Amino acid sequence: MKEETKKFIKELLEGGWRASAIGLSLVLAIAIGAGLGWWLSEVFNNKIFFYIGLILGIIAGFRNLYIMGKRYK
């Protein structure tokens, strides 16, 4: 196998790992925020906590996306 091919495959595998880590980070932040908000909504019987948790989770997820994107660039 050519050296160029080996290098390409190595970079492709490393890039795939990075992409999945970024996506997983985004999804987990949103899920944790929404889950915590849902739990607080159940405890206090008020839906506003779910929406606040969801919004904070989305903000945290995109913040993680921005930070990881800068690091890998």
PDB file of N, CA and C in Angstrom:
ATOM      1  N   MET A   1       0.843  -1.172   0.000  1.00  0.00           N
ATOM      2  CA  MET A   1       0.000   0.000   0.000  1.00  0.00           C
ATOM      3  C   MET A   1       0.891   1.239   0.000  1.00  0.00           C
ATOM      4  N   LYS A   2       0.498   2.228  -0.790  1.00  0.00           N
ATOM      5  CA  LYS A   2       1.280   3.446  -0.882  1.00  0.00           C
ATOM      6  C   LYS A   2       1.231   4.226   0.428  1.00  0.00           C
ATOM      7  N   GLU A   3       2.275   4.987   0.657  1.00  0.00           N
ATOM      8  CA  GLU A   3       2.357   5.799   1.875  1.00  0.00           C
ATOM      9  C   GLU A   3       1.249   6.854   1.904  1.00  0.00           C
ATOM     10  N   GLU A   4       0.924   7.410   0.735  1.00  0.00           N
ATOM     11  CA  GLU A   4      -0.149   8.404   0.652  1.00  0.00           C
ATOM     12  C   GLU A   4      -1.483   7.799   1.056  1.00  0.00           C
ATOM     13  N   THR A   5      -1.739   6.571   0.632  1.00  0.00           N
ATOM     14  CA  THR A   5      -2.985   5.891   0.959  1.00  0.00           C
ATOM     15  C   THR A   5      -3.075   5.634   2.457  1.00  0.00           C
ATOM     16  N   LYS A   6      -1.986   5.193   3.060  1.00  0.00           N
ATOM     17  CA  LYS A   6      -1.970   4.955   4.500  1.00  0.00           C
ATOM     18  C   LYS A   6      -2.249   6.240   5.272  1.00  0.00           C
ATOM     19  N   LYS A   7      -1.629   7.334   4.824  1.00  0.00           N
ATOM     20  CA  LYS A   7      -1.822   8.624   5.478  1.00  0.00           C
ATOM     21  C   LYS A   7      -3.277   9.070   5.344  1.00  0.00           C
ATOM     22  N   PHE A   8      -3.856   8.896   4.150  1.00  0.00           N
ATOM     23  CA  PHE A   8      -5.239   9.281   3.915  1.00  0.00           C
ATOM     24  C   PHE A   8      -6.191   8.494   4.811  1.00  0.00           C
ATOM     25  N   ILE A   9      -5.990   7.196   4.926  1.00  0.00           N
ATOM     26  CA  ILE A   9      -6.852   6.350   5.759  1.00  0.00           C
ATOM     27  C   ILE A   9      -6.728   6.749   7.227  1.00  0.00           C
ATOM     28  N   LYS A  10      -5.515   7.020   7.669  1.00  0.00           N
ATOM     29  CA  LYS A  10      -5.298   7.438   9.051  1.00  0.00           C
ATOM     30  C   LYS A  10      -6.026   8.749   9.344  1.00  0.00           C
ATOM     31  N   GLU A  11      -5.909   9.730   8.459  1.00  0.00           N
ATOM     32  CA  GLU A  11      -6.582  11.012   8.650  1.00  0.00           C
ATOM     33  C   GLU A  11      -8.096  10.858   8.600  1.00  0.00           C
ATOM     34  N   LEU A  12      -8.585   9.982   7.744  1.00  0.00           N
ATOM     35  CA  LEU A  12     -10.014   9.740   7.630  1.00  0.00           C
ATOM     36  C   LEU A  12     -10.569   9.148   8.922  1.00  0.00           C
ATOM     37  N   LEU A  13      -9.862   8.186   9.500  1.00  0.00           N
ATOM     38  CA  LEU A  13     -10.309   7.576  10.751  1.00  0.00           C
ATOM     39  C   LEU A  13     -10.270   8.563  11.906  1.00  0.00           C
ATOM     40  N   GLU A  14      -9.223   9.365  11.982  1.00  0.00           N
ATOM     41  CA  GLU A  14      -9.132  10.356  13.044  1.00  0.00           C
ATOM     42  C   GLU A  14     -10.221  11.415  12.892  1.00  0.00           C
ATOM     43  N   GLY A  15     -10.485  11.834  11.685  1.00  0.00           N
ATOM     44  CA  GLY A  15     -11.526  12.823  11.427  1.00  0.00           C
ATOM     45  C   GLY A  15     -12.902  12.297  11.764  1.00  0.00           C
ATOM     46  N   GLY A  16     -13.160  11.031  11.492  1.00  0.00           N
ATOM     47  CA  GLY A  16     -14.440  10.422  11.839  1.00  0.00           C
ATOM     48  C   GLY A  16     -14.662  10.392  13.333  1.00  0.00           C
ATOM     49  N   TRP A  17     -13.608  10.130  14.074  1.00  0.00           N
ATOM     50  CA  TRP A  17     -13.703  10.122  15.529  1.00  0.00           C
ATOM     51  C   TRP A  17     -14.037  11.514  16.038  1.00  0.00           C
ATOM     52  N   ARG A  18     -13.387  12.512  15.465  1.00  0.00           N
ATOM     53  CA  ARG A  18     -13.642  13.891  15.886  1.00  0.00           C
ATOM     54  C   ARG A  18     -15.080  14.287  15.588  1.00  0.00           C
ATOM     55  N   ALA A  19     -15.556  13.948  14.424  1.00  0.00           N
ATOM     56  CA  ALA A  19     -16.918  14.313  14.038  1.00  0.00           C
ATOM     57  C   ALA A  19     -17.938  13.652  14.962  1.00  0.00           C
ATOM     58  N   SER A  20     -17.737  12.396  15.288  1.00  0.00           N
ATOM     59  CA  SER A  20     -18.680  11.719  16.166  1.00  0.00           C
ATOM     60  C   SER A  20     -18.603  12.274  17.584  1.00  0.00           C
ATOM     61  N   ALA A  21     -17.423  12.676  18.029  1.00  0.00           N
ATOM     62  CA  ALA A  21     -17.291  13.267  19.365  1.00  0.00           C
ATOM     63  C   ALA A  21     -18.004  14.608  19.434  1.00  0.00           C
ATOM     64  N   ILE A  22     -17.901  15.395  18.376  1.00  0.00           N
ATOM     65  CA  ILE A  22     -18.584  16.691  18.339  1.00  0.00           C
ATOM     66  C   ILE A  22     -20.104  16.486  18.349  1.00  0.00           C
ATOM     67  N   GLY A  23     -20.590  15.581  17.534  1.00  0.00           N
ATOM     68  CA  GLY A  23     -22.028  15.303  17.484  1.00  0.00           C
ATOM     69  C   GLY A  23     -22.557  14.758  18.789  1.00  0.00           C
ATOM     70  N   LEU A  24     -21.822  13.846  19.388  1.00  0.00           N
ATOM     71  CA  LEU A  24     -22.234  13.265  20.660  1.00  0.00           C
ATOM     72  C   LEU A  24     -22.257  14.324  21.757  1.00  0.00           C
ATOM     73  N   SER A  25     -21.291  15.206  21.745  1.00  0.00           N
ATOM     74  CA  SER A  25     -21.243  16.287  22.725  1.00  0.00           C
ATOM     75  C   SER A  25     -22.470  17.187  22.605  1.00  0.00           C
ATOM     76  N   LEU A  26     -22.859  17.499  21.400  1.00  0.00           N
ATOM     77  CA  LEU A  26     -24.028  18.344  21.166  1.00  0.00           C
ATOM     78  C   LEU A  26     -25.299  17.663  21.665  1.00  0.00           C
ATOM     79  N   VAL A  27     -25.481  16.416  21.284  1.00  0.00           N
ATOM     80  CA  VAL A  27     -26.691  15.684  21.659  1.00  0.00           C
ATOM     81  C   VAL A  27     -26.771  15.471  23.168  1.00  0.00           C
ATOM     82  N   LEU A  28     -25.667  15.115  23.798  1.00  0.00           N
ATOM     83  CA  LEU A  28     -25.687  14.880  25.241  1.00  0.00           C
ATOM     84  C   LEU A  28     -25.979  16.147  26.031  1.00  0.00           C
ATOM     85  N   ALA A  29     -25.428  17.271  25.615  1.00  0.00           N
ATOM     86  CA  ALA A  29     -25.694  18.526  26.319  1.00  0.00           C
ATOM     87  C   ALA A  29     -27.183  18.868  26.255  1.00  0.00           C
ATOM     88  N   ILE A  30     -27.779  18.696  25.091  1.00  0.00           N
ATOM     89  CA  ILE A  30     -29.208  18.992  24.946  1.00  0.00           C
ATOM     90  C   ILE A  30     -30.040  18.004  25.759  1.00  0.00           C
ATOM     91  N   ALA A  31     -29.685  16.727  25.720  1.00  0.00           N
ATOM     92  CA  ALA A  31     -30.439  15.709  26.460  1.00  0.00           C
ATOM     93  C   ALA A  31     -30.335  15.923  27.969  1.00  0.00           C
ATOM     94  N   ILE A  32     -29.164  16.271  28.453  1.00  0.00           N
ATOM     95  CA  ILE A  32     -28.987  16.498  29.891  1.00  0.00           C
ATOM     96  C   ILE A  32     -29.780  17.728  30.330  1.00  0.00           C
ATOM     97  N   GLY A  33     -29.712  18.804  29.555  1.00  0.00           N
ATOM     98  CA  GLY A  33     -30.476  20.006  29.887  1.00  0.00           C
ATOM     99  C   GLY A  33     -31.967  19.743  29.891  1.00  0.00           C
ATOM    100  N   ALA A  34     -32.454  19.054  28.864  1.00  0.00           N
ATOM    101  CA  ALA A  34     -33.885  18.744  28.776  1.00  0.00           C
ATOM    102  C   ALA A  34     -34.305  17.778  29.881  1.00  0.00           C
ATOM    103  N   GLY A  35     -33.463  16.798  30.178  1.00  0.00           N
ATOM    104  CA  GLY A  35     -33.789  15.841  31.239  1.00  0.00           C
ATOM    105  C   GLY A  35     -33.848  16.496  32.606  1.00  0.00           C
ATOM    106  N   LEU A  36     -32.892  17.344  32.892  1.00  0.00           N
ATOM    107  CA  LEU A  36     -32.906  18.055  34.172  1.00  0.00           C
ATOM    108  C   LEU A  36     -34.109  18.989  34.251  1.00  0.00           C
ATOM    109  N   GLY A  37     -34.416  19.671  33.151  1.00  0.00           N
ATOM    110  CA  GLY A  37     -35.587  20.539  33.120  1.00  0.00           C
ATOM    111  C   GLY A  37     -36.875  19.762  33.287  1.00  0.00           C
ATOM    112  N   TRP A  38     -36.969  18.599  32.668  1.00  0.00           N
ATOM    113  CA  TRP A  38     -38.164  17.760  32.814  1.00  0.00           C
ATOM    114  C   TRP A  38     -38.331  17.313  34.255  1.00  0.00           C
ATOM    115  N   TRP A  39     -37.227  16.901  34.884  1.00  0.00           N
ATOM    116  CA  TRP A  39     -37.280  16.465  36.275  1.00  0.00           C
ATOM    117  C   TRP A  39     -37.745  17.611  37.176  1.00  0.00           C
ATOM    118  N   LEU A  40     -37.186  18.797  36.986  1.00  0.00           N
ATOM    119  CA  LEU A  40     -37.613  19.948  37.783  1.00  0.00           C
ATOM    120  C   LEU A  40     -39.078  20.296  37.519  1.00  0.00           C
ATOM    121  N   SER A  41     -39.524  20.132  36.283  1.00  0.00           N
ATOM    122  CA  SER A  41     -40.930  20.373  35.962  1.00  0.00           C
ATOM    123  C   SER A  41     -41.838  19.404  36.695  1.00  0.00           C
ATOM    124  N   GLU A  42     -41.409  18.162  36.796  1.00  0.00           N
ATOM    125  CA  GLU A  42     -42.203  17.165  37.528  1.00  0.00           C
ATOM    126  C   GLU A  42     -42.215  17.459  39.026  1.00  0.00           C
ATOM    127  N   VAL A  43     -41.092  17.866  39.573  1.00  0.00           N
ATOM    128  CA  VAL A  43     -41.004  18.146  41.007  1.00  0.00           C
ATOM    129  C   VAL A  43     -41.858  19.355  41.381  1.00  0.00           C
ATOM    130  N   PHE A  44     -41.750  20.422  40.606  1.00  0.00           N
ATOM    131  CA  PHE A  44     -42.443  21.666  40.940  1.00  0.00           C
ATOM    132  C   PHE A  44     -43.758  21.851  40.183  1.00  0.00           C
ATOM    133  N   ASN A  45     -44.133  20.874  39.366  1.00  0.00           N
ATOM    134  CA  ASN A  45     -45.386  20.894  38.612  1.00  0.00           C
ATOM    135  C   ASN A  45     -45.532  22.186  37.801  1.00  0.00           C
ATOM    136  N   ASN A  46     -44.471  22.509  37.066  1.00  0.00           N
ATOM    137  CA  ASN A  46     -44.455  23.726  36.257  1.00  0.00           C
ATOM    138  C   ASN A  46     -43.617  23.449  35.004  1.00  0.00           C
ATOM    139  N   LYS A  47     -44.218  23.580  33.841  1.00  0.00           N
ATOM    140  CA  LYS A  47     -43.531  23.238  32.586  1.00  0.00           C
ATOM    141  C   LYS A  47     -42.395  24.191  32.224  1.00  0.00           C
ATOM    142  N   ILE A  48     -42.348  25.354  32.819  1.00  0.00           N
ATOM    143  CA  ILE A  48     -41.342  26.351  32.452  1.00  0.00           C
ATOM    144  C   ILE A  48     -39.928  25.823  32.681  1.00  0.00           C
ATOM    145  N   PHE A  49     -39.757  24.968  33.681  1.00  0.00           N
ATOM    146  CA  PHE A  49     -38.425  24.421  33.960  1.00  0.00           C
ATOM    147  C   PHE A  49     -37.923  23.546  32.814  1.00  0.00           C
ATOM    148  N   PHE A  50     -38.840  22.837  32.169  1.00  0.00           N
ATOM    149  CA  PHE A  50     -38.442  22.019  31.016  1.00  0.00           C
ATOM    150  C   PHE A  50     -37.907  22.901  29.892  1.00  0.00           C
ATOM    151  N   TYR A  51     -38.615  23.970  29.607  1.00  0.00           N
ATOM    152  CA  TYR A  51     -38.195  24.860  28.520  1.00  0.00           C
ATOM    153  C   TYR A  51     -36.886  25.574  28.850  1.00  0.00           C
ATOM    154  N   ILE A  52     -36.736  25.977  30.090  1.00  0.00           N
ATOM    155  CA  ILE A  52     -35.477  26.615  30.497  1.00  0.00           C
ATOM    156  C   ILE A  52     -34.323  25.620  30.379  1.00  0.00           C
ATOM    157  N   GLY A  53     -34.520  24.397  30.858  1.00  0.00           N
ATOM    158  CA  GLY A  53     -33.485  23.365  30.759  1.00  0.00           C
ATOM    159  C   GLY A  53     -33.148  23.039  29.315  1.00  0.00           C
ATOM    160  N   LEU A  54     -34.166  22.974  28.464  1.00  0.00           N
ATOM    161  CA  LEU A  54     -33.945  22.688  27.048  1.00  0.00           C
ATOM    162  C   LEU A  54     -33.133  23.805  26.392  1.00  0.00           C
ATOM    163  N   ILE A  55     -33.496  25.042  26.653  1.00  0.00           N
ATOM    164  CA  ILE A  55     -32.777  26.177  26.071  1.00  0.00           C
ATOM    165  C   ILE A  55     -31.340  26.216  26.567  1.00  0.00           C
ATOM    166  N   LEU A  56     -31.137  26.004  27.862  1.00  0.00           N
ATOM    167  CA  LEU A  56     -29.772  25.987  28.399  1.00  0.00           C
ATOM    168  C   LEU A  56     -28.958  24.825  27.828  1.00  0.00           C
ATOM    169  N   GLY A  57     -29.594  23.683  27.614  1.00  0.00           N
ATOM    170  CA  GLY A  57     -28.918  22.545  27.004  1.00  0.00           C
ATOM    171  C   GLY A  57     -28.501  22.834  25.565  1.00  0.00           C
ATOM    172  N   ILE A  58     -29.367  23.501  24.823  1.00  0.00           N
ATOM    173  CA  ILE A  58     -29.036  23.863  23.448  1.00  0.00           C
ATOM    174  C   ILE A  58     -27.874  24.848  23.429  1.00  0.00           C
ATOM    175  N   ILE A  59     -27.914  25.837  24.311  1.00  0.00           N
ATOM    176  CA  ILE A  59     -26.822  26.807  24.384  1.00  0.00           C
ATOM    177  C   ILE A  59     -25.515  26.112  24.740  1.00  0.00           C
ATOM    178  N   ALA A  60     -25.558  25.231  25.732  1.00  0.00           N
ATOM    179  CA  ALA A  60     -24.345  24.507  26.142  1.00  0.00           C
ATOM    180  C   ALA A  60     -23.831  23.611  25.018  1.00  0.00           C
ATOM    181  N   GLY A  61     -24.740  22.975  24.283  1.00  0.00           N
ATOM    182  CA  GLY A  61     -24.336  22.108  23.178  1.00  0.00           C
ATOM    183  C   GLY A  61     -23.636  22.873  22.070  1.00  0.00           C
ATOM    184  N   PHE A  62     -24.178  24.018  21.712  1.00  0.00           N
ATOM    185  CA  PHE A  62     -23.536  24.800  20.655  1.00  0.00           C
ATOM    186  C   PHE A  62     -22.249  25.458  21.141  1.00  0.00           C
ATOM    187  N   ARG A  63     -22.177  25.738  22.429  1.00  0.00           N
ATOM    188  CA  ARG A  63     -20.917  26.246  22.989  1.00  0.00           C
ATOM    189  C   ARG A  63     -19.842  25.157  22.880  1.00  0.00           C
ATOM    190  N   ASN A  64     -20.200  23.923  23.221  1.00  0.00           N
ATOM    191  CA  ASN A  64     -19.267  22.807  23.076  1.00  0.00           C
ATOM    192  C   ASN A  64     -18.858  22.628  21.615  1.00  0.00           C
ATOM    193  N   LEU A  65     -19.820  22.755  20.716  1.00  0.00           N
ATOM    194  CA  LEU A  65     -19.544  22.632  19.289  1.00  0.00           C
ATOM    195  C   LEU A  65     -18.532  23.684  18.845  1.00  0.00           C
ATOM    196  N   TYR A  66     -18.701  24.910  19.309  1.00  0.00           N
ATOM    197  CA  TYR A  66     -17.793  25.995  18.954  1.00  0.00           C
ATOM    198  C   TYR A  66     -16.391  25.744  19.501  1.00  0.00           C
ATOM    199  N   ILE A  67     -16.308  25.351  20.752  1.00  0.00           N
ATOM    200  CA  ILE A  67     -14.999  25.120  21.390  1.00  0.00           C
ATOM    201  C   ILE A  67     -14.270  23.957  20.722  1.00  0.00           C
ATOM    202  N   MET A  68     -14.971  22.857  20.475  1.00  0.00           N
ATOM    203  CA  MET A  68     -14.335  21.707  19.848  1.00  0.00           C
ATOM    204  C   MET A  68     -13.939  22.011  18.408  1.00  0.00           C
ATOM    205  N   GLY A  69     -14.750  22.798  17.715  1.00  0.00           N
ATOM    206  CA  GLY A  69     -14.419  23.178  16.355  1.00  0.00           C
ATOM    207  C   GLY A  69     -13.148  24.027  16.295  1.00  0.00           C
ATOM    208  N   LYS A  70     -13.012  24.939  17.234  1.00  0.00           N
ATOM    209  CA  LYS A  70     -11.806  25.747  17.274  1.00  0.00           C
ATOM    210  C   LYS A  70     -10.588  24.887  17.596  1.00  0.00           C
ATOM    211  N   ARG A  71     -10.741  23.933  18.484  1.00  0.00           N
ATOM    212  CA  ARG A  71      -9.624  23.080  18.889  1.00  0.00           C
ATOM    213  C   ARG A  71      -9.142  22.200  17.744  1.00  0.00           C
ATOM    214  N   TYR A  72     -10.054  21.668  16.942  1.00  0.00           N
ATOM    215  CA  TYR A  72      -9.671  20.752  15.871  1.00  0.00           C
ATOM    216  C   TYR A  72      -9.298  21.467  14.583  1.00  0.00           C
ATOM    217  N   LYS A  73      -9.587  22.745  14.500  1.00  0.00           N
ATOM    218  CA  LYS A  73      -9.246  23.489  13.301  1.00  0.00           C
ATOM    219  C   LYS A  73      -7.808  23.812  13.312  1.00  0.00           C
TER     220      LYS A  73
END
